[in-house]
Amino acid sequence: MSQILNCGLDQRTLALLVALIENGVNPEALANVVKELKRETQALKIDEEVSQNRKQFR
């Protein structure tokens, strides 16, 4: 299903999010949390790459 939706989430994560919504979590608020987590994850990956590159050039 996550591939059909092209949301970038694995099936387990998508199922957990659907369950949260079914149990009353505000879908818009949940979407904002997911977006923020994706941004933070990407930022951490970039920081890690920069750190690795700095180590290579020392």
C-alpha atoms as a PDB file:
ATOM      1  CA  MET A   1       0.000   0.000   0.000  1.00  0.00           C
ATOM      2  CA  SER A   2       2.803   2.454   0.840  1.00  0.00           C
ATOM      3  CA  GLN A   3       4.211   1.958  -2.658  1.00  0.00           C
ATOM      4  CA  ILE A   4       0.811   2.698  -4.158  1.00  0.00           C
ATOM      5  CA  LEU A   5       0.583   5.882  -2.098  1.00  0.00           C
ATOM      6  CA  ASN A   6       4.212   6.788  -2.883  1.00  0.00           C
ATOM      7  CA  CYS A   7       4.559   8.156   0.644  1.00  0.00           C
ATOM      8  CA  GLY A   8       8.054   6.880   1.374  1.00  0.00           C
ATOM      9  CA  LEU A   9       6.902   4.926   4.417  1.00  0.00           C
ATOM     10  CA  ASP A  10       7.268   1.208   4.915  1.00  0.00           C
ATOM     11  CA  GLN A  11       4.190  -0.957   5.329  1.00  0.00           C
ATOM     12  CA  ARG A  12       4.597  -1.322   9.098  1.00  0.00           C
ATOM     13  CA  THR A  13       4.917   2.421   9.661  1.00  0.00           C
ATOM     14  CA  LEU A  14       1.934   3.147   7.461  1.00  0.00           C
ATOM     15  CA  ALA A  15      -0.141   0.577   9.360  1.00  0.00           C
ATOM     16  CA  LEU A  16       0.841   2.194  12.671  1.00  0.00           C
ATOM     17  CA  LEU A  17      -0.137   5.629  11.395  1.00  0.00           C
ATOM     18  CA  VAL A  18      -3.505   4.344  10.169  1.00  0.00           C
ATOM     19  CA  ALA A  19      -4.098   2.700  13.550  1.00  0.00           C
ATOM     20  CA  LEU A  20      -3.306   5.966  15.329  1.00  0.00           C
ATOM     21  CA  ILE A  21      -5.800   7.816  13.144  1.00  0.00           C
ATOM     22  CA  GLU A  22      -8.429   5.127  13.721  1.00  0.00           C
ATOM     23  CA  ASN A  23      -7.886   5.597  17.455  1.00  0.00           C
ATOM     24  CA  GLY A  24      -8.562   9.315  17.325  1.00  0.00           C
ATOM     25  CA  VAL A  25      -5.233  10.988  16.576  1.00  0.00           C
ATOM     26  CA  ASN A  26      -5.683  14.113  14.485  1.00  0.00           C
ATOM     27  CA  PRO A  27      -4.565  13.155  10.942  1.00  0.00           C
ATOM     28  CA  GLU A  28      -3.283  16.630  10.111  1.00  0.00           C
ATOM     29  CA  ALA A  29      -1.204  16.819  13.280  1.00  0.00           C
ATOM     30  CA  LEU A  30       0.139  13.328  12.630  1.00  0.00           C
ATOM     31  CA  ALA A  31       1.074  14.275   9.062  1.00  0.00           C
ATOM     32  CA  ASN A  32       2.972  17.293  10.393  1.00  0.00           C
ATOM     33  CA  VAL A  33       4.882  15.091  12.831  1.00  0.00           C
ATOM     34  CA  VAL A  34       5.805  12.643  10.060  1.00  0.00           C
ATOM     35  CA  LYS A  35       7.002  15.490   7.818  1.00  0.00           C
ATOM     36  CA  GLU A  36       9.110  16.944  10.616  1.00  0.00           C
ATOM     37  CA  LEU A  37      10.637  13.558  11.414  1.00  0.00           C
ATOM     38  CA  LYS A  38      11.527  13.084   7.744  1.00  0.00           C
ATOM     39  CA  ARG A  39      13.179  16.534   7.656  1.00  0.00           C
ATOM     40  CA  GLU A  40      15.140  15.825  10.825  1.00  0.00           C
ATOM     41  CA  THR A  41      16.226  12.418   9.549  1.00  0.00           C
ATOM     42  CA  GLN A  42      17.454  13.960   6.306  1.00  0.00           C
ATOM     43  CA  ALA A  43      19.329  16.665   8.212  1.00  0.00           C
ATOM     44  CA  LEU A  44      21.022  14.030  10.376  1.00  0.00           C
ATOM     45  CA  LYS A  45      22.054  12.069   7.280  1.00  0.00           C
ATOM     46  CA  ILE A  46      23.571  15.192   5.754  1.00  0.00           C
ATOM     47  CA  ASP A  47      25.410  16.000   8.993  1.00  0.00           C
ATOM     48  CA  GLU A  48      26.776  12.456   9.090  1.00  0.00           C
ATOM     49  CA  GLU A  49      27.973  12.691   5.475  1.00  0.00           C
ATOM     50  CA  VAL A  50      29.704  16.006   6.159  1.00  0.00           C
ATOM     51  CA  SER A  51      31.352  14.532   9.232  1.00  0.00           C
ATOM     52  CA  GLN A  52      32.558  11.511   7.254  1.00  0.00           C
ATOM     53  CA  ASN A  53      33.940  13.748   4.495  1.00  0.00           C
ATOM     54  CA  ARG A  54      35.830  15.870   7.018  1.00  0.00           C
ATOM     55  CA  LYS A  55      37.426  12.761   8.507  1.00  0.00           C
ATOM     56  CA  GLN A  56      38.583  11.649   5.049  1.00  0.00           C
ATOM     57  CA  PHE A  57      40.368  14.934   4.373  1.00  0.00           C
ATOM     58  CA  ARG A  58      42.256  15.120   7.662  1.00  0.00           C
END
